[in-house]
C-alpha atoms as a PDB file:
ATOM      1  CA  UNK A   1       0.000   0.000   0.000  1.00  0.00           C
ATOM      2  CA  UNK A   2       1.584   3.302  -1.035  1.00  0.00           C
ATOM      3  CA  UNK A   3       2.381   5.806   1.684  1.00  0.00           C
ATOM      4  CA  UNK A   4       0.801   9.240   1.700  1.00  0.00           C
ATOM      5  CA  UNK A   5       4.134  10.761   0.712  1.00  0.00           C
ATOM      6  CA  UNK A   6       4.506   8.403  -2.244  1.00  0.00           C
ATOM      7  CA  UNK A   7       0.978   9.208  -3.470  1.00  0.00           C
ATOM      8  CA  UNK A   8       1.592  12.938  -3.435  1.00  0.00           C
ATOM      9  CA  UNK A   9       2.535  14.427  -6.853  1.00  0.00           C
ATOM     10  CA  UNK A  10       5.931  16.037  -7.127  1.00  0.00           C
ATOM     11  CA  UNK A  11       6.340  19.795  -7.417  1.00  0.00           C
ATOM     12  CA  UNK A  12       7.147  19.383 -11.124  1.00  0.00           C
ATOM     13  CA  UNK A  13       3.992  17.321 -11.660  1.00  0.00           C
ATOM     14  CA  UNK A  14       1.897  19.900  -9.821  1.00  0.00           C
ATOM     15  CA  UNK A  15       3.337  22.699 -11.951  1.00  0.00           C
ATOM     16  CA  UNK A  16       2.652  20.724 -15.143  1.00  0.00           C
ATOM     17  CA  UNK A  17      -0.962  20.117 -14.144  1.00  0.00           C
ATOM     18  CA  UNK A  18      -1.450  23.842 -13.525  1.00  0.00           C
ATOM     19  CA  UNK A  19      -0.215  24.816 -16.993  1.00  0.00           C
ATOM     20  CA  UNK A  20      -2.862  25.622 -19.535  1.00  0.00           C
ATOM     21  CA  UNK A  21      -2.985  23.813 -22.865  1.00  0.00           C
ATOM     22  CA  UNK A  22      -1.579  26.945 -24.465  1.00  0.00           C
ATOM     23  CA  UNK A  23       1.341  27.118 -22.046  1.00  0.00           C
ATOM     24  CA  UNK A  24       2.135  23.440 -22.533  1.00  0.00           C
ATOM     25  CA  UNK A  25       2.075  23.913 -26.320  1.00  0.00           C
ATOM     26  CA  UNK A  26       4.462  26.894 -26.023  1.00  0.00           C
ATOM     27  CA  UNK A  27       6.851  24.873 -23.856  1.00  0.00           C
ATOM     28  CA  UNK A  28       6.760  21.924 -26.266  1.00  0.00           C
ATOM     29  CA  UNK A  29       7.294  24.199 -29.283  1.00  0.00           C
ATOM     30  CA  UNK A  30      10.263  25.915 -27.619  1.00  0.00           C
ATOM     31  CA  UNK A  31      11.826  22.563 -26.722  1.00  0.00           C
ATOM     32  CA  UNK A  32      11.265  20.923 -30.135  1.00  0.00           C
ATOM     33  CA  UNK A  33      12.029  23.981 -32.259  1.00  0.00           C
ATOM     34  CA  UNK A  34       8.837  23.386 -34.234  1.00  0.00           C
ATOM     35  CA  UNK A  35       5.415  24.902 -33.880  1.00  0.00           C
ATOM     36  CA  UNK A  36       2.835  22.838 -31.984  1.00  0.00           C
ATOM     37  CA  UNK A  37      -0.927  22.900 -32.501  1.00  0.00           C
ATOM     38  CA  UNK A  38      -3.108  23.932 -29.566  1.00  0.00           C
ATOM     39  CA  UNK A  39      -5.733  21.275 -30.191  1.00  0.00           C
ATOM     40  CA  UNK A  40      -8.250  22.668 -27.705  1.00  0.00           C
ATOM     41  CA  UNK A  41      -8.476  25.783 -29.905  1.00  0.00           C
ATOM     42  CA  UNK A  42      -9.552  23.834 -32.986  1.00  0.00           C
ATOM     43  CA  UNK A  43     -12.757  24.806 -34.773  1.00  0.00           C
ATOM     44  CA  UNK A  44     -14.181  23.988 -38.185  1.00  0.00           C
ATOM     45  CA  UNK A  45     -12.416  27.008 -39.674  1.00  0.00           C
ATOM     46  CA  UNK A  46      -9.454  27.767 -37.409  1.00  0.00           C
ATOM     47  CA  UNK A  47      -6.196  26.172 -36.268  1.00  0.00           C
ATOM     48  CA  UNK A  48      -3.919  27.692 -33.593  1.00  0.00           C
ATOM     49  CA  UNK A  49      -0.204  26.923 -33.304  1.00  0.00           C
ATOM     50  CA  UNK A  50       2.284  27.739 -30.546  1.00  0.00           C
ATOM     51  CA  UNK A  51       5.478  29.080 -32.099  1.00  0.00           C
ATOM     52  CA  UNK A  52       9.045  27.894 -31.323  1.00  0.00           C
ATOM     53  CA  UNK A  53       9.905  31.260 -29.739  1.00  0.00           C
ATOM     54  CA  UNK A  54       7.881  30.074 -26.749  1.00  0.00           C
ATOM     55  CA  UNK A  55       5.928  33.326 -26.545  1.00  0.00           C
ATOM     56  CA  UNK A  56       3.655  33.766 -29.558  1.00  0.00           C
ATOM     57  CA  UNK A  57       0.889  31.961 -31.401  1.00  0.00           C
ATOM     58  CA  UNK A  58      -0.144  31.724 -35.060  1.00  0.00           C
ATOM     59  CA  UNK A  59      -3.830  31.590 -36.013  1.00  0.00           C
ATOM     60  CA  UNK A  60      -4.714  30.046 -39.377  1.00  0.00           C
ATOM     61  CA  UNK A  61      -8.276  30.651 -40.535  1.00  0.00           C
ATOM     62  CA  UNK A  62      -9.966  29.203 -43.621  1.00  0.00           C
ATOM     63  CA  UNK A  63     -13.020  30.482 -45.484  1.00  0.00           C
ATOM     64  CA  UNK A  64     -14.279  26.895 -45.753  1.00  0.00           C
ATOM     65  CA  UNK A  65     -14.241  24.172 -43.065  1.00  0.00           C
ATOM     66  CA  UNK A  66     -10.935  22.326 -42.791  1.00  0.00           C
ATOM     67  CA  UNK A  67     -12.518  19.792 -40.396  1.00  0.00           C
ATOM     68  CA  UNK A  68     -16.025  18.878 -39.264  1.00  0.00           C
ATOM     69  CA  UNK A  69     -17.396  17.241 -36.137  1.00  0.00           C
ATOM     70  CA  UNK A  70     -17.370  13.440 -36.120  1.00  0.00           C
ATOM     71  CA  UNK A  71     -20.531  11.581 -35.011  1.00  0.00           C
ATOM     72  CA  UNK A  72     -18.806   9.996 -32.011  1.00  0.00           C
ATOM     73  CA  UNK A  73     -16.982  13.182 -30.984  1.00  0.00           C
ATOM     74  CA  UNK A  74     -13.766  14.767 -32.147  1.00  0.00           C
ATOM     75  CA  UNK A  75     -13.060  15.872 -35.689  1.00  0.00           C
ATOM     76  CA  UNK A  76     -12.912  14.349 -39.157  1.00  0.00           C
ATOM     77  CA  UNK A  77     -11.890  15.486 -42.626  1.00  0.00           C
ATOM     78  CA  UNK A  78     -14.719  17.101 -44.651  1.00  0.00           C
ATOM     79  CA  UNK A  79     -16.055  14.830 -47.391  1.00  0.00           C
ATOM     80  CA  UNK A  80     -19.127  15.807 -49.469  1.00  0.00           C
ATOM     81  CA  UNK A  81     -19.193  12.436 -51.261  1.00  0.00           C
ATOM     82  CA  UNK A  82     -22.766  11.168 -51.189  1.00  0.00           C
ATOM     83  CA  UNK A  83     -23.656   7.795 -49.721  1.00  0.00           C
ATOM     84  CA  UNK A  84     -26.835   5.847 -49.010  1.00  0.00           C
ATOM     85  CA  UNK A  85     -27.740   5.675 -45.320  1.00  0.00           C
ATOM     86  CA  UNK A  86     -29.448   3.015 -43.257  1.00  0.00           C
ATOM     87  CA  UNK A  87     -32.672   5.096 -43.027  1.00  0.00           C
ATOM     88  CA  UNK A  88     -32.961   5.138 -46.837  1.00  0.00           C
ATOM     89  CA  UNK A  89     -31.877   8.740 -47.280  1.00  0.00           C
ATOM     90  CA  UNK A  90     -28.779   9.982 -49.052  1.00  0.00           C
ATOM     91  CA  UNK A  91     -26.243  12.396 -47.639  1.00  0.00           C
ATOM     92  CA  UNK A  92     -22.614  13.506 -47.616  1.00  0.00           C
ATOM     93  CA  UNK A  93     -20.110  11.428 -45.664  1.00  0.00           C
ATOM     94  CA  UNK A  94     -18.824  14.346 -43.574  1.00  0.00           C
ATOM     95  CA  UNK A  95     -20.374  17.820 -43.758  1.00  0.00           C
ATOM     96  CA  UNK A  96     -20.516  20.820 -41.451  1.00  0.00           C
ATOM     97  CA  UNK A  97     -24.336  20.617 -41.290  1.00  0.00           C
ATOM     98  CA  UNK A  98     -26.919  17.840 -41.215  1.00  0.00           C
ATOM     99  CA  UNK A  99     -27.970  17.228 -44.806  1.00  0.00           C
ATOM    100  CA  UNK A 100     -30.029  14.611 -46.630  1.00  0.00           C
ATOM    101  CA  UNK A 101     -31.178  14.146 -50.233  1.00  0.00           C
ATOM    102  CA  UNK A 102     -34.304  12.289 -51.352  1.00  0.00           C
ATOM    103  CA  UNK A 103     -33.840   8.727 -52.538  1.00  0.00           C
ATOM    104  CA  UNK A 104     -36.679   9.058 -55.049  1.00  0.00           C
ATOM    105  CA  UNK A 105     -40.375   9.294 -54.237  1.00  0.00           C
ATOM    106  CA  UNK A 106     -42.963  12.053 -54.209  1.00  0.00           C
ATOM    107  CA  UNK A 107     -40.495  14.951 -54.322  1.00  0.00           C
ATOM    108  CA  UNK A 108     -40.859  16.119 -50.727  1.00  0.00           C
ATOM    109  CA  UNK A 109     -37.590  16.812 -48.951  1.00  0.00           C
ATOM    110  CA  UNK A 110     -35.573  16.801 -52.147  1.00  0.00           C
ATOM    111  CA  UNK A 111     -32.937  18.339 -49.895  1.00  0.00           C
ATOM    112  CA  UNK A 112     -33.153  18.859 -46.169  1.00  0.00           C
ATOM    113  CA  UNK A 113     -30.462  20.780 -44.312  1.00  0.00           C
ATOM    114  CA  UNK A 114     -30.317  21.493 -40.577  1.00  0.00           C
ATOM    115  CA  UNK A 115     -28.014  23.186 -38.089  1.00  0.00           C
ATOM    116  CA  UNK A 116     -28.503  24.512 -34.579  1.00  0.00           C
ATOM    117  CA  UNK A 117     -32.270  24.012 -34.554  1.00  0.00           C
ATOM    118  CA  UNK A 118     -32.722  25.709 -37.935  1.00  0.00           C
ATOM    119  CA  UNK A 119     -34.007  23.669 -40.863  1.00  0.00           C
ATOM    120  CA  UNK A 120     -34.517  24.330 -44.552  1.00  0.00           C
ATOM    121  CA  UNK A 121     -36.270  21.848 -46.840  1.00  0.00           C
ATOM    122  CA  UNK A 122     -36.519  22.074 -50.628  1.00  0.00           C
ATOM    123  CA  UNK A 123     -39.285  20.146 -52.416  1.00  0.00           C
ATOM    124  CA  UNK A 124     -39.602  19.125 -56.064  1.00  0.00           C
ATOM    125  CA  UNK A 125     -43.141  19.452 -57.385  1.00  0.00           C
ATOM    126  CA  UNK A 126     -43.403  15.990 -58.887  1.00  0.00           C
ATOM    127  CA  UNK A 127     -42.177  12.412 -58.698  1.00  0.00           C
ATOM    128  CA  UNK A 128     -38.473  11.748 -58.356  1.00  0.00           C
ATOM    129  CA  UNK A 129     -36.649   8.662 -59.609  1.00  0.00           C
ATOM    130  CA  UNK A 130     -33.939   6.956 -57.592  1.00  0.00           C
ATOM    131  CA  UNK A 131     -30.883   9.147 -58.226  1.00  0.00           C
ATOM    132  CA  UNK A 132     -27.564   8.105 -59.708  1.00  0.00           C
ATOM    133  CA  UNK A 133     -24.769   9.075 -57.314  1.00  0.00           C
ATOM    134  CA  UNK A 134     -21.439  10.384 -58.564  1.00  0.00           C
ATOM    135  CA  UNK A 135     -19.159  11.809 -55.905  1.00  0.00           C
ATOM    136  CA  UNK A 136     -20.985  14.748 -54.298  1.00  0.00           C
ATOM    137  CA  UNK A 137     -23.741  14.826 -56.971  1.00  0.00           C
ATOM    138  CA  UNK A 138     -27.120  13.103 -57.198  1.00  0.00           C
ATOM    139  CA  UNK A 139     -28.702  13.000 -60.665  1.00  0.00           C
ATOM    140  CA  UNK A 140     -32.474  12.564 -60.890  1.00  0.00           C
ATOM    141  CA  UNK A 141     -33.116  11.596 -64.504  1.00  0.00           C
ATOM    142  CA  UNK A 142     -36.091  12.722 -66.580  1.00  0.00           C
ATOM    143  CA  UNK A 143     -37.894  14.772 -63.952  1.00  0.00           C
ATOM    144  CA  UNK A 144     -39.371  16.426 -67.033  1.00  0.00           C
ATOM    145  CA  UNK A 145     -39.126  15.134 -70.620  1.00  0.00           C
ATOM    146  CA  UNK A 146     -35.427  15.348 -71.590  1.00  0.00           C
ATOM    147  CA  UNK A 147     -34.647  17.227 -68.378  1.00  0.00           C
ATOM    148  CA  UNK A 148     -32.559  15.927 -65.463  1.00  0.00           C
ATOM    149  CA  UNK A 149     -32.277  17.454 -62.002  1.00  0.00           C
ATOM    150  CA  UNK A 150     -28.801  17.462 -60.479  1.00  0.00           C
ATOM    151  CA  UNK A 151     -28.233  18.283 -56.815  1.00  0.00           C
ATOM    152  CA  UNK A 152     -24.674  18.632 -55.544  1.00  0.00           C
ATOM    153  CA  UNK A 153     -23.569  18.643 -51.916  1.00  0.00           C
ATOM    154  CA  UNK A 154     -20.866  20.929 -50.563  1.00  0.00           C
ATOM    155  CA  UNK A 155     -19.386  20.810 -47.076  1.00  0.00           C
ATOM    156  CA  UNK A 156     -21.730  23.601 -45.927  1.00  0.00           C
ATOM    157  CA  UNK A 157     -24.721  23.415 -48.265  1.00  0.00           C
ATOM    158  CA  UNK A 158     -25.892  22.357 -51.698  1.00  0.00           C
ATOM    159  CA  UNK A 159     -26.434  23.491 -55.278  1.00  0.00           C
ATOM    160  CA  UNK A 160     -29.092  22.372 -57.751  1.00  0.00           C
ATOM    161  CA  UNK A 161     -29.392  22.742 -61.521  1.00  0.00           C
ATOM    162  CA  UNK A 162     -31.685  21.477 -64.245  1.00  0.00           C
ATOM    163  CA  UNK A 163     -29.891  19.734 -67.105  1.00  0.00           C
ATOM    164  CA  UNK A 164     -31.829  20.465 -70.313  1.00  0.00           C
ATOM    165  CA  UNK A 165     -30.794  17.899 -72.903  1.00  0.00           C
ATOM    166  CA  UNK A 166     -32.643  19.013 -76.062  1.00  0.00           C
ATOM    167  CA  UNK A 167     -33.845  22.298 -77.623  1.00  0.00           C
ATOM    168  CA  UNK A 168     -37.388  20.932 -77.496  1.00  0.00           C
ATOM    169  CA  UNK A 169     -37.114  20.439 -73.754  1.00  0.00           C
ATOM    170  CA  UNK A 170     -36.132  24.093 -73.345  1.00  0.00           C
ATOM    171  CA  UNK A 171     -39.528  25.059 -74.784  1.00  0.00           C
ATOM    172  CA  UNK A 172     -41.551  23.070 -72.264  1.00  0.00           C
ATOM    173  CA  UNK A 173     -44.381  25.112 -70.746  1.00  0.00           C
ATOM    174  CA  UNK A 174     -43.188  24.073 -67.266  1.00  0.00           C
ATOM    175  CA  UNK A 175     -40.174  26.362 -67.710  1.00  0.00           C
ATOM    176  CA  UNK A 176     -42.389  29.450 -67.870  1.00  0.00           C
ATOM    177  CA  UNK A 177     -42.780  29.166 -64.110  1.00  0.00           C
ATOM    178  CA  UNK A 178     -40.845  26.419 -62.419  1.00  0.00           C
ATOM    179  CA  UNK A 179     -41.558  26.313 -58.704  1.00  0.00           C
ATOM    180  CA  UNK A 180     -39.747  24.517 -55.908  1.00  0.00           C
ATOM    181  CA  UNK A 181     -41.438  24.046 -52.567  1.00  0.00           C
ATOM    182  CA  UNK A 182     -39.603  25.665 -49.679  1.00  0.00           C
ATOM    183  CA  UNK A 183     -40.139  25.076 -45.965  1.00  0.00           C
ATOM    184  CA  UNK A 184     -38.161  26.660 -43.164  1.00  0.00           C
ATOM    185  CA  UNK A 185     -38.027  26.262 -39.400  1.00  0.00           C
ATOM    186  CA  UNK A 186     -36.152  28.783 -37.275  1.00  0.00           C
ATOM    187  CA  UNK A 187     -35.435  30.864 -40.403  1.00  0.00           C
ATOM    188  CA  UNK A 188     -37.153  33.797 -42.111  1.00  0.00           C
ATOM    189  CA  UNK A 189     -37.569  33.581 -45.900  1.00  0.00           C
ATOM    190  CA  UNK A 190     -38.295  36.944 -47.511  1.00  0.00           C
ATOM    191  CA  UNK A 191     -39.142  37.973 -51.054  1.00  0.00           C
ATOM    192  CA  UNK A 192     -36.361  39.560 -53.083  1.00  0.00           C
ATOM    193  CA  UNK A 193     -36.483  43.003 -54.666  1.00  0.00           C
ATOM    194  CA  UNK A 194     -38.027  41.596 -57.852  1.00  0.00           C
ATOM    195  CA  UNK A 195     -40.549  39.470 -56.024  1.00  0.00           C
ATOM    196  CA  UNK A 196     -38.606  36.234 -56.187  1.00  0.00           C
ATOM    197  CA  UNK A 197     -37.845  34.284 -53.043  1.00  0.00           C
ATOM    198  CA  UNK A 198     -34.083  33.914 -52.481  1.00  0.00           C
ATOM    199  CA  UNK A 199     -33.106  30.384 -51.594  1.00  0.00           C
ATOM    200  CA  UNK A 200     -30.369  30.132 -48.981  1.00  0.00           C
ATOM    201  CA  UNK A 201     -28.515  26.920 -49.608  1.00  0.00           C
ATOM    202  CA  UNK A 202     -26.381  26.973 -46.472  1.00  0.00           C
ATOM    203  CA  UNK A 203     -27.248  27.792 -42.884  1.00  0.00           C
END
């Protein structure tokens, strides 16, 4: 059975425990001669390094996420590649927001994106086939005669375009006013200056 004296941490151990993560990173950087990341300062967009001078830090900030939260905690590399999920939906492997694409059906929830209690859902007014997946893109073929609908995931949102394959298809009466359904929770959607409704595709 250890004595009380043996169980007591040494003065060096006590000092080490009292150091902040930043101070420990500075000490390690000074000793190694190389900068050391302060991992507790990580965010989706920022990385902080302690410099070898032992006194200063360097902040690197990116306009797009350089990492995203992993389901079980910690971080993972962003990956917008689409995959089929166990619940039947489709979504990116690793994105900064919760996002799912429709796997065919009645067109509701063509795309659903959520973050921090805010949700935006985009609906297609019609039936959707099962999409062909190619990297971050889902292609819904023949949503109109000779017209495909392509939805592409990004790390923070999505983009959608109609692929018109023939001149005849471009003259379809549906193109005179092509409406998407839009539902929002925790967000305000307002009409634009020309009366159109802007569609935010990231939260």
